[in-house]
Amino acid sequence: MRNKELQEFYIGWMEKAPVTFSKHIKKVLLLLVVVVFAAAILLAVSQKKFSSANFEFGTLTEVKGVYYEQPVPCIKVVNGKDIFGTSSYITIPLLGFGKMGAAGVISAAKKEKNTSFNQREMTLKGTLLYNDGKLLMQIDSNDKPFVHIGSVASADLLPKQEDLGLLQIKGEIVDPKCYFGVMKPGQGKPHKDCAIRCILGGIPPVVRVTNEEGATNYYLLLNESGGAMNEAVKNFVAEPVTITARAVKYDDWIVLYVKQEKGIERYSYLQEKFGSAIQYCASTCSK
């Protein structure tokens, strides 16, 4: 072995590494720092944005409007007027405390006050939650939510209905309480177990749909006769689904009336884009 090669050979117990060896290590370390820094930036940029959902925990708000029970318990509230002086409205679906729908609270209040609530003007008190242009309210018996029950509302204050015909949409079934304010995240596989429990507790299921331009819309789900289908959707929550149903618009919400036995199917992006190739491989690749 030549003398130069002996000088460059490095053994761990030596006090100082050879010059060429140390230069090589410095280059490698510098490259690793750059790679780690770039990977950290890429990872941060690619992360999903933090939800803008809000839940006004601990704050009770009174709203005045028209209460109605179909398609789901809601209160319709005046939301100002446009430039032509026409009143606009926002529909606020009602939810119960915890992982429960509002049906129990409403039933108890009806029995206590011994009167009908449907299509009556009233003042409600509860906790607001909101996200992406949708507003919901949690009502709790302990808060005495039915502040004032007024007279039967005039016909022009009741929800305006528009039949949109048969629609087929692709989206994700979420529980609106968590998605619109209580949890972050309130959708997807990390939230699946919680969402199923909320929906089985009576919170009406909602389908979240995002189009190719990134715009999002939301649809309430009911069965074809207008009844709850919470039990029917439990196996489809937090998964991509295709839903075929009759759609009816009630002011600022759209309701899908679904045939339970065939209206909901799991949806696979890969199957849609590469379905023929997958089927071909399944029939030939194993031979």
C-alpha atoms as a PDB file:
ATOM      1  CA  MET A   1       0.000   0.000   0.000  1.00  0.00           C
ATOM      2  CA  ARG A   2       1.331   3.389  -0.991  1.00  0.00           C
ATOM      3  CA  ASN A   3       2.210   5.973   1.661  1.00  0.00           C
ATOM      4  CA  LYS A   4      -0.537   8.422   0.511  1.00  0.00           C
ATOM      5  CA  GLU A   5      -3.160   5.717   0.794  1.00  0.00           C
ATOM      6  CA  LEU A   6      -1.955   4.910   4.294  1.00  0.00           C
ATOM      7  CA  GLN A   7      -2.239   8.589   5.256  1.00  0.00           C
ATOM      8  CA  GLU A   8      -5.851   8.778   3.963  1.00  0.00           C
ATOM      9  CA  PHE A   9      -6.988   5.573   5.708  1.00  0.00           C
ATOM     10  CA  TYR A  10      -9.123   6.516   8.727  1.00  0.00           C
ATOM     11  CA  ILE A  11      -9.499   4.474  11.912  1.00  0.00           C
ATOM     12  CA  GLY A  12     -12.029   5.502  14.557  1.00  0.00           C
ATOM     13  CA  TRP A  13      -9.519   5.887  17.393  1.00  0.00           C
ATOM     14  CA  MET A  14      -7.394   8.362  15.449  1.00  0.00           C
ATOM     15  CA  GLU A  15      -7.457  11.906  16.904  1.00  0.00           C
ATOM     16  CA  LYS A  16      -8.159  13.566  13.564  1.00  0.00           C
ATOM     17  CA  ALA A  17      -9.684  12.337  10.336  1.00  0.00           C
ATOM     18  CA  PRO A  18      -7.769  12.735   7.082  1.00  0.00           C
ATOM     19  CA  VAL A  19      -8.442  15.954   5.145  1.00  0.00           C
ATOM     20  CA  THR A  20     -10.133  14.310   2.133  1.00  0.00           C
ATOM     21  CA  PHE A  21     -12.303  12.145   4.413  1.00  0.00           C
ATOM     22  CA  SER A  22     -13.488  15.127   6.484  1.00  0.00           C
ATOM     23  CA  LYS A  23     -14.229  17.153   3.331  1.00  0.00           C
ATOM     24  CA  HIS A  24     -16.368  14.312   1.992  1.00  0.00           C
ATOM     25  CA  ILE A  25     -18.286  14.044   5.279  1.00  0.00           C
ATOM     26  CA  LYS A  26     -18.919  17.818   5.313  1.00  0.00           C
ATOM     27  CA  LYS A  27     -20.360  17.674   1.779  1.00  0.00           C
ATOM     28  CA  VAL A  28     -22.631  14.779   2.699  1.00  0.00           C
ATOM     29  CA  LEU A  29     -23.843  16.514   5.869  1.00  0.00           C
ATOM     30  CA  LEU A  30     -24.501  19.758   3.971  1.00  0.00           C
ATOM     31  CA  LEU A  31     -26.516  17.857   1.367  1.00  0.00           C
ATOM     32  CA  LEU A  32     -28.522  16.116   4.113  1.00  0.00           C
ATOM     33  CA  VAL A  33     -29.324  19.465   5.769  1.00  0.00           C
ATOM     34  CA  VAL A  34     -30.625  20.828   2.454  1.00  0.00           C
ATOM     35  CA  VAL A  35     -32.695  17.691   1.801  1.00  0.00           C
ATOM     36  CA  VAL A  36     -34.189  17.691   5.320  1.00  0.00           C
ATOM     37  CA  PHE A  37     -35.002  21.414   5.100  1.00  0.00           C
ATOM     38  CA  ALA A  38     -36.658  21.006   1.680  1.00  0.00           C
ATOM     39  CA  ALA A  39     -38.633  17.963   2.859  1.00  0.00           C
ATOM     40  CA  ALA A  40     -39.865  19.877   5.922  1.00  0.00           C
ATOM     41  CA  ILE A  41     -41.089  22.766   3.747  1.00  0.00           C
ATOM     42  CA  LEU A  42     -42.763  20.383   1.269  1.00  0.00           C
ATOM     43  CA  LEU A  43     -44.473  18.490   4.092  1.00  0.00           C
ATOM     44  CA  ALA A  44     -45.734  21.698   5.713  1.00  0.00           C
ATOM     45  CA  VAL A  45     -47.082  23.088   2.432  1.00  0.00           C
ATOM     46  CA  SER A  46     -48.805  19.824   1.501  1.00  0.00           C
ATOM     47  CA  GLN A  47     -50.629  19.519   4.818  1.00  0.00           C
ATOM     48  CA  LYS A  48     -54.394  19.983   4.802  1.00  0.00           C
ATOM     49  CA  LYS A  49     -55.423  23.456   5.943  1.00  0.00           C
ATOM     50  CA  PHE A  50     -56.754  23.762   9.483  1.00  0.00           C
ATOM     51  CA  SER A  51     -60.537  23.805   9.562  1.00  0.00           C
ATOM     52  CA  SER A  52     -62.252  27.181   9.888  1.00  0.00           C
ATOM     53  CA  ALA A  53     -65.155  25.568  11.784  1.00  0.00           C
ATOM     54  CA  ASN A  54     -66.335  27.293  14.965  1.00  0.00           C
ATOM     55  CA  PHE A  55     -68.274  26.125  18.020  1.00  0.00           C
ATOM     56  CA  GLU A  56     -69.277  28.886  20.425  1.00  0.00           C
ATOM     57  CA  PHE A  57     -68.822  26.697  23.474  1.00  0.00           C
ATOM     58  CA  GLY A  58     -70.121  28.342  26.635  1.00  0.00           C
ATOM     59  CA  THR A  59     -71.944  31.115  24.759  1.00  0.00           C
ATOM     60  CA  LEU A  60     -75.729  31.064  24.420  1.00  0.00           C
ATOM     61  CA  THR A  61     -77.322  33.012  21.576  1.00  0.00           C
ATOM     62  CA  GLU A  62     -80.988  33.825  21.009  1.00  0.00           C
ATOM     63  CA  VAL A  63     -82.379  33.701  17.474  1.00  0.00           C
ATOM     64  CA  LYS A  64     -85.867  34.631  16.329  1.00  0.00           C
ATOM     65  CA  GLY A  65     -87.514  32.964  13.355  1.00  0.00           C
ATOM     66  CA  VAL A  66     -89.941  30.298  12.195  1.00  0.00           C
ATOM     67  CA  TYR A  67     -89.578  26.769  13.511  1.00  0.00           C
ATOM     68  CA  TYR A  68     -90.522  23.804  11.335  1.00  0.00           C
ATOM     69  CA  GLU A  69     -89.998  20.072  11.682  1.00  0.00           C
ATOM     70  CA  GLN A  70     -89.733  18.872   8.092  1.00  0.00           C
ATOM     71  CA  PRO A  71     -87.451  17.906   6.481  1.00  0.00           C
ATOM     72  CA  VAL A  72     -85.486  18.122   9.773  1.00  0.00           C
ATOM     73  CA  PRO A  73     -86.044  20.312  12.867  1.00  0.00           C
ATOM     74  CA  CYS A  74     -84.891  23.813  11.874  1.00  0.00           C
ATOM     75  CA  ILE A  75     -85.469  27.472  12.556  1.00  0.00           C
ATOM     76  CA  LYS A  76     -85.605  29.862   9.599  1.00  0.00           C
ATOM     77  CA  VAL A  77     -84.150  33.283  10.462  1.00  0.00           C
ATOM     78  CA  VAL A  78     -84.203  36.552   8.509  1.00  0.00           C
ATOM     79  CA  ASN A  79     -80.665  37.276   7.313  1.00  0.00           C
ATOM     80  CA  GLY A  80     -81.083  40.869   6.119  1.00  0.00           C
ATOM     81  CA  LYS A  81     -82.255  42.243   2.781  1.00  0.00           C
ATOM     82  CA  ASP A  82     -80.661  42.459  -0.648  1.00  0.00           C
ATOM     83  CA  ILE A  83     -80.266  45.665  -2.689  1.00  0.00           C
ATOM     84  CA  PHE A  84     -83.814  45.284  -3.981  1.00  0.00           C
ATOM     85  CA  GLY A  85     -85.259  45.129  -0.474  1.00  0.00           C
ATOM     86  CA  THR A  86     -86.030  41.410  -0.654  1.00  0.00           C
ATOM     87  CA  SER A  87     -85.523  39.557   2.619  1.00  0.00           C
ATOM     88  CA  SER A  88     -82.992  36.730   2.651  1.00  0.00           C
ATOM     89  CA  TYR A  89     -83.042  33.870   5.114  1.00  0.00           C
ATOM     90  CA  ILE A  90     -80.711  31.365   6.700  1.00  0.00           C
ATOM     91  CA  THR A  91     -81.953  27.958   7.786  1.00  0.00           C
ATOM     92  CA  ILE A  92     -80.475  26.663  11.038  1.00  0.00           C
ATOM     93  CA  PRO A  93     -80.810  22.899  11.655  1.00  0.00           C
ATOM     94  CA  LEU A  94     -81.167  22.029  15.341  1.00  0.00           C
ATOM     95  CA  LEU A  95     -78.999  19.520  17.218  1.00  0.00           C
ATOM     96  CA  GLY A  96     -79.056  18.132  20.741  1.00  0.00           C
ATOM     97  CA  PHE A  97     -76.354  18.128  23.399  1.00  0.00           C
ATOM     98  CA  GLY A  98     -73.431  15.734  22.982  1.00  0.00           C
ATOM     99  CA  LYS A  99     -73.873  13.052  20.346  1.00  0.00           C
ATOM    100  CA  MET A 100     -77.659  13.396  20.209  1.00  0.00           C
ATOM    101  CA  GLY A 101     -80.164  14.877  17.815  1.00  0.00           C
ATOM    102  CA  ALA A 102     -82.645  17.546  18.884  1.00  0.00           C
ATOM    103  CA  ALA A 103     -85.729  15.270  18.864  1.00  0.00           C
ATOM    104  CA  GLY A 104     -85.572  14.452  22.589  1.00  0.00           C
ATOM    105  CA  VAL A 105     -85.244  18.107  23.646  1.00  0.00           C
ATOM    106  CA  ILE A 106     -88.082  19.169  21.352  1.00  0.00           C
ATOM    107  CA  SER A 107     -90.385  16.352  22.477  1.00  0.00           C
ATOM    108  CA  ALA A 108     -89.839  17.183  26.155  1.00  0.00           C
ATOM    109  CA  ALA A 109     -90.508  20.898  25.536  1.00  0.00           C
ATOM    110  CA  LYS A 110     -93.726  20.155  23.644  1.00  0.00           C
ATOM    111  CA  LYS A 111     -94.960  18.007  26.508  1.00  0.00           C
ATOM    112  CA  GLU A 112     -94.008  20.659  29.066  1.00  0.00           C
ATOM    113  CA  LYS A 113     -95.710  23.514  27.191  1.00  0.00           C
ATOM    114  CA  ASN A 114     -98.560  21.339  25.916  1.00  0.00           C
ATOM    115  CA  THR A 115     -98.577  22.951  22.485  1.00  0.00           C
ATOM    116  CA  SER A 116     -97.512  22.356  18.902  1.00  0.00           C
ATOM    117  CA  PHE A 117     -94.296  23.974  17.672  1.00  0.00           C
ATOM    118  CA  ASN A 118     -94.439  23.278  13.946  1.00  0.00           C
ATOM    119  CA  GLN A 119     -94.544  26.366  11.694  1.00  0.00           C
ATOM    120  CA  ARG A 120     -94.720  28.708  14.678  1.00  0.00           C
ATOM    121  CA  GLU A 121     -92.794  31.914  15.122  1.00  0.00           C
ATOM    122  CA  MET A 122     -90.461  31.515  18.074  1.00  0.00           C
ATOM    123  CA  THR A 123     -87.326  32.617  19.851  1.00  0.00           C
ATOM    124  CA  LEU A 124     -84.759  29.893  20.482  1.00  0.00           C
ATOM    125  CA  LYS A 125     -81.682  29.932  22.692  1.00  0.00           C
ATOM    126  CA  GLY A 126     -78.680  27.711  22.094  1.00  0.00           C
ATOM    127  CA  THR A 127     -75.034  27.330  21.098  1.00  0.00           C
ATOM    128  CA  LEU A 128     -74.101  28.198  17.522  1.00  0.00           C
ATOM    129  CA  LEU A 129     -71.681  26.267  15.339  1.00  0.00           C
ATOM    130  CA  TYR A 130     -70.746  27.228  11.811  1.00  0.00           C
ATOM    131  CA  ASN A 131     -68.446  26.567   8.898  1.00  0.00           C
ATOM    132  CA  ASP A 132     -68.356  27.070   5.143  1.00  0.00           C
ATOM    133  CA  GLY A 133     -71.517  29.189   5.008  1.00  0.00           C
ATOM    134  CA  LYS A 134     -73.660  26.822   7.092  1.00  0.00           C
ATOM    135  CA  LEU A 135     -75.029  27.630  10.560  1.00  0.00           C
ATOM    136  CA  LEU A 136     -76.394  25.111  13.089  1.00  0.00           C
ATOM    137  CA  MET A 137     -77.579  25.371  16.691  1.00  0.00           C
ATOM    138  CA  GLN A 138     -77.196  23.025  19.660  1.00  0.00           C
ATOM    139  CA  ILE A 139     -80.117  23.165  22.070  1.00  0.00           C
ATOM    140  CA  ASP A 140     -80.011  21.738  25.577  1.00  0.00           C
ATOM    141  CA  SER A 141     -82.958  21.228  27.964  1.00  0.00           C
ATOM    142  CA  ASN A 142     -80.831  22.637  30.803  1.00  0.00           C
ATOM    143  CA  ASP A 143     -80.664  25.975  28.958  1.00  0.00           C
ATOM    144  CA  LYS A 144     -84.460  26.294  28.561  1.00  0.00           C
ATOM    145  CA  PRO A 145     -84.033  26.793  24.808  1.00  0.00           C
ATOM    146  CA  PHE A 146     -87.652  27.639  23.882  1.00  0.00           C
ATOM    147  CA  VAL A 147     -87.709  31.241  25.034  1.00  0.00           C
ATOM    148  CA  HIS A 148     -90.928  32.307  23.317  1.00  0.00           C
ATOM    149  CA  ILE A 149     -93.550  30.452  21.266  1.00  0.00           C
ATOM    150  CA  GLY A 150     -95.483  32.802  18.982  1.00  0.00           C
ATOM    151  CA  SER A 151     -98.327  32.462  16.515  1.00  0.00           C
ATOM    152  CA  VAL A 152     -98.485  30.305  13.405  1.00  0.00           C
ATOM    153  CA  ALA A 153     -96.267  31.836  10.708  1.00  0.00           C
ATOM    154  CA  SER A 154     -97.692  33.218   7.489  1.00  0.00           C
ATOM    155  CA  ALA A 155     -97.240  31.104   4.366  1.00  0.00           C
ATOM    156  CA  ASP A 156     -94.609  33.447   2.897  1.00  0.00           C
ATOM    157  CA  LEU A 157     -92.291  32.715   5.847  1.00  0.00           C
ATOM    158  CA  LEU A 158     -92.355  28.956   5.381  1.00  0.00           C
ATOM    159  CA  PRO A 159     -89.522  27.292   3.429  1.00  0.00           C
ATOM    160  CA  LYS A 160     -89.698  27.645  -0.349  1.00  0.00           C
ATOM    161  CA  GLN A 161     -89.490  24.251  -2.021  1.00  0.00           C
ATOM    162  CA  GLU A 162     -87.999  23.509  -5.433  1.00  0.00           C
ATOM    163  CA  ASP A 163     -87.901  20.006  -6.895  1.00  0.00           C
ATOM    164  CA  LEU A 164     -84.512  19.473  -8.555  1.00  0.00           C
ATOM    165  CA  GLY A 165     -85.315  16.043  -9.956  1.00  0.00           C
ATOM    166  CA  LEU A 166     -83.096  12.963  -9.785  1.00  0.00           C
ATOM    167  CA  LEU A 167     -79.452  13.648  -8.947  1.00  0.00           C
ATOM    168  CA  GLN A 168     -76.369  11.454  -8.759  1.00  0.00           C
ATOM    169  CA  ILE A 169     -73.569  12.866  -6.633  1.00  0.00           C
ATOM    170  CA  LYS A 170     -70.227  11.708  -5.269  1.00  0.00           C
ATOM    171  CA  GLY A 171     -69.142  12.765  -1.804  1.00  0.00           C
ATOM    172  CA  GLU A 172     -68.593  11.859   1.840  1.00  0.00           C
ATOM    173  CA  ILE A 173     -71.225  11.363   4.531  1.00  0.00           C
ATOM    174  CA  VAL A 174     -70.344  13.425   7.615  1.00  0.00           C
ATOM    175  CA  ASP A 175     -72.038  14.195  10.894  1.00  0.00           C
ATOM    176  CA  PRO A 176     -72.777  17.925  10.674  1.00  0.00           C
ATOM    177  CA  LYS A 177     -72.301  18.717  14.345  1.00  0.00           C
ATOM    178  CA  CYS A 178     -68.637  17.787  14.361  1.00  0.00           C
ATOM    179  CA  TYR A 179     -67.934  18.866  10.781  1.00  0.00           C
ATOM    180  CA  PHE A 180     -69.458  22.334  11.103  1.00  0.00           C
ATOM    181  CA  GLY A 181     -67.818  23.236  14.363  1.00  0.00           C
ATOM    182  CA  VAL A 182     -67.246  20.825  17.227  1.00  0.00           C
ATOM    183  CA  MET A 183     -64.298  18.738  15.998  1.00  0.00           C
ATOM    184  CA  LYS A 184     -61.157  19.347  13.937  1.00  0.00           C
ATOM    185  CA  PRO A 185     -60.999  17.263  11.859  1.00  0.00           C
ATOM    186  CA  GLY A 186     -64.708  16.460  11.618  1.00  0.00           C
ATOM    187  CA  GLN A 187     -64.430  14.271   8.532  1.00  0.00           C
ATOM    188  CA  GLY A 188     -62.495  11.393   6.999  1.00  0.00           C
ATOM    189  CA  LYS A 189     -61.185   8.165   8.495  1.00  0.00           C
ATOM    190  CA  PRO A 190     -59.727   9.798  11.671  1.00  0.00           C
ATOM    191  CA  HIS A 191     -63.229  10.929  12.608  1.00  0.00           C
ATOM    192  CA  LYS A 192     -65.194   7.903  11.390  1.00  0.00           C
ATOM    193  CA  ASP A 193     -65.999   6.238  14.741  1.00  0.00           C
ATOM    194  CA  CYS A 194     -67.141   9.513  16.295  1.00  0.00           C
ATOM    195  CA  ALA A 195     -69.239  10.401  13.242  1.00  0.00           C
ATOM    196  CA  ILE A 196     -71.023   7.046  13.316  1.00  0.00           C
ATOM    197  CA  ARG A 197     -71.927   7.485  16.991  1.00  0.00           C
ATOM    198  CA  CYS A 198     -73.219  11.015  16.372  1.00  0.00           C
ATOM    199  CA  ILE A 199     -75.376   9.915  13.458  1.00  0.00           C
ATOM    200  CA  LEU A 200     -76.735   6.906  15.357  1.00  0.00           C
ATOM    201  CA  GLY A 201     -77.552   9.325  18.206  1.00  0.00           C
ATOM    202  CA  GLY A 202     -80.008  11.126  15.939  1.00  0.00           C
ATOM    203  CA  ILE A 203     -77.939  13.870  14.315  1.00  0.00           C
ATOM    204  CA  PRO A 204     -79.090  14.069  10.674  1.00  0.00           C
ATOM    205  CA  PRO A 205     -76.420  12.846   8.223  1.00  0.00           C
ATOM    206  CA  VAL A 206     -75.065  15.282   5.643  1.00  0.00           C
ATOM    207  CA  VAL A 207     -73.259  14.605   2.373  1.00  0.00           C
ATOM    208  CA  ARG A 208     -70.283  16.828   1.625  1.00  0.00           C
ATOM    209  CA  VAL A 209     -69.626  17.234  -2.109  1.00  0.00           C
ATOM    210  CA  THR A 210     -66.688  19.062  -3.711  1.00  0.00           C
ATOM    211  CA  ASN A 211     -66.725  19.704  -7.461  1.00  0.00           C
ATOM    212  CA  GLU A 212     -63.751  19.914  -9.822  1.00  0.00           C
ATOM    213  CA  GLU A 213     -63.450  23.678  -9.254  1.00  0.00           C
ATOM    214  CA  GLY A 214     -63.114  23.146  -5.487  1.00  0.00           C
ATOM    215  CA  ALA A 215     -66.561  24.516  -4.583  1.00  0.00           C
ATOM    216  CA  THR A 216     -68.324  22.595  -1.797  1.00  0.00           C
ATOM    217  CA  ASN A 217     -72.012  21.893  -1.291  1.00  0.00           C
ATOM    218  CA  TYR A 218     -73.923  20.033   1.399  1.00  0.00           C
ATOM    219  CA  TYR A 219     -77.003  17.817   1.236  1.00  0.00           C
ATOM    220  CA  LEU A 220     -79.210  16.514   4.046  1.00  0.00           C
ATOM    221  CA  LEU A 221     -80.082  12.823   3.760  1.00  0.00           C
ATOM    222  CA  LEU A 222     -83.541  11.327   4.286  1.00  0.00           C
ATOM    223  CA  ASN A 223     -85.186   8.170   3.018  1.00  0.00           C
ATOM    224  CA  GLU A 224     -87.600   8.342   0.086  1.00  0.00           C
ATOM    225  CA  SER A 225     -90.620   8.848   2.348  1.00  0.00           C
ATOM    226  CA  GLY A 226     -88.957  11.670   4.327  1.00  0.00           C
ATOM    227  CA  GLY A 227     -87.958   9.607   7.351  1.00  0.00           C
ATOM    228  CA  ALA A 228     -84.598   9.406   9.072  1.00  0.00           C
ATOM    229  CA  MET A 229     -82.020   7.056   7.580  1.00  0.00           C
ATOM    230  CA  ASN A 230     -79.331   7.324  10.239  1.00  0.00           C
ATOM    231  CA  GLU A 231     -79.163   3.564  10.743  1.00  0.00           C
ATOM    232  CA  ALA A 232     -79.053   2.939   6.990  1.00  0.00           C
ATOM    233  CA  VAL A 233     -75.960   5.095   6.393  1.00  0.00           C
ATOM    234  CA  LYS A 234     -73.817   3.913   9.315  1.00  0.00           C
ATOM    235  CA  ASN A 235     -71.700   1.604   7.122  1.00  0.00           C
ATOM    236  CA  PHE A 236     -70.994   4.369   4.589  1.00  0.00           C
ATOM    237  CA  VAL A 237     -69.903   7.186   6.926  1.00  0.00           C
ATOM    238  CA  ALA A 238     -66.512   8.817   6.176  1.00  0.00           C
ATOM    239  CA  GLU A 239     -66.090   6.885   2.921  1.00  0.00           C
ATOM    240  CA  PRO A 240     -66.377   8.032  -0.710  1.00  0.00           C
ATOM    241  CA  VAL A 241     -69.918   7.228  -1.866  1.00  0.00           C
ATOM    242  CA  THR A 242     -72.160   7.660  -4.873  1.00  0.00           C
ATOM    243  CA  ILE A 243     -75.736   8.654  -4.020  1.00  0.00           C
ATOM    244  CA  THR A 244     -78.671   8.601  -6.413  1.00  0.00           C
ATOM    245  CA  ALA A 245     -81.757  10.334  -5.055  1.00  0.00           C
ATOM    246  CA  ARG A 246     -84.562  12.806  -5.652  1.00  0.00           C
ATOM    247  CA  ALA A 247     -83.378  16.262  -4.640  1.00  0.00           C
ATOM    248  CA  VAL A 248     -85.561  19.024  -3.195  1.00  0.00           C
ATOM    249  CA  LYS A 249     -84.273  22.478  -2.297  1.00  0.00           C
ATOM    250  CA  TYR A 250     -85.627  24.058   0.898  1.00  0.00           C
ATOM    251  CA  ASP A 251     -84.377  27.654   0.825  1.00  0.00           C
ATOM    252  CA  ASP A 252     -80.612  27.342   1.462  1.00  0.00           C
ATOM    253  CA  TRP A 253     -80.460  23.556   2.041  1.00  0.00           C
ATOM    254  CA  ILE A 254     -80.900  20.684  -0.413  1.00  0.00           C
ATOM    255  CA  VAL A 255     -82.427  17.424   0.790  1.00  0.00           C
ATOM    256  CA  LEU A 256     -81.761  14.072  -0.893  1.00  0.00           C
ATOM    257  CA  TYR A 257     -84.591  11.544  -0.620  1.00  0.00           C
ATOM    258  CA  VAL A 258     -82.752   8.235  -0.976  1.00  0.00           C
ATOM    259  CA  LYS A 259     -84.006   4.746  -1.727  1.00  0.00           C
ATOM    260  CA  GLN A 260     -82.269   2.917   1.100  1.00  0.00           C
ATOM    261  CA  GLU A 261     -81.779  -0.428  -0.624  1.00  0.00           C
ATOM    262  CA  LYS A 262     -79.913   0.910  -3.678  1.00  0.00           C
ATOM    263  CA  GLY A 263     -79.466   4.654  -3.365  1.00  0.00           C
ATOM    264  CA  ILE A 264     -75.992   4.607  -1.786  1.00  0.00           C
ATOM    265  CA  GLU A 265     -72.934   2.795  -3.102  1.00  0.00           C
ATOM    266  CA  ARG A 266     -69.258   2.967  -2.229  1.00  0.00           C
ATOM    267  CA  TYR A 267     -67.251   4.934  -4.726  1.00  0.00           C
ATOM    268  CA  SER A 268     -63.715   4.188  -5.884  1.00  0.00           C
ATOM    269  CA  TYR A 269     -61.712   6.792  -7.815  1.00  0.00           C
ATOM    270  CA  LEU A 270     -59.342   4.089  -9.071  1.00  0.00           C
ATOM    271  CA  GLN A 271     -62.240   1.922 -10.205  1.00  0.00           C
ATOM    272  CA  GLU A 272     -63.768   4.834 -12.109  1.00  0.00           C
ATOM    273  CA  LYS A 273     -60.539   5.945 -13.812  1.00  0.00           C
ATOM    274  CA  PHE A 274     -58.940   2.562 -14.406  1.00  0.00           C
ATOM    275  CA  GLY A 275     -61.911   0.205 -14.131  1.00  0.00           C
ATOM    276  CA  SER A 276     -61.451  -1.433 -17.524  1.00  0.00           C
ATOM    277  CA  ALA A 277     -57.730  -2.000 -16.899  1.00  0.00           C
ATOM    278  CA  ILE A 278     -58.439  -3.467 -13.444  1.00  0.00           C
ATOM    279  CA  GLN A 279     -61.074  -5.812 -14.876  1.00  0.00           C
ATOM    280  CA  TYR A 280     -58.720  -6.843 -17.703  1.00  0.00           C
ATOM    281  CA  CYS A 281     -55.905  -7.587 -15.256  1.00  0.00           C
ATOM    282  CA  ALA A 282     -58.256  -9.511 -12.982  1.00  0.00           C
ATOM    283  CA  SER A 283     -59.160 -11.793 -15.890  1.00  0.00           C
ATOM    284  CA  THR A 284     -55.669 -12.213 -17.355  1.00  0.00           C
ATOM    285  CA  CYS A 285     -52.954 -11.473 -14.786  1.00  0.00           C
ATOM    286  CA  SER A 286     -53.563 -14.606 -12.756  1.00  0.00           C
ATOM    287  CA  LYS A 287     -53.275 -16.888 -15.785  1.00  0.00           C
END
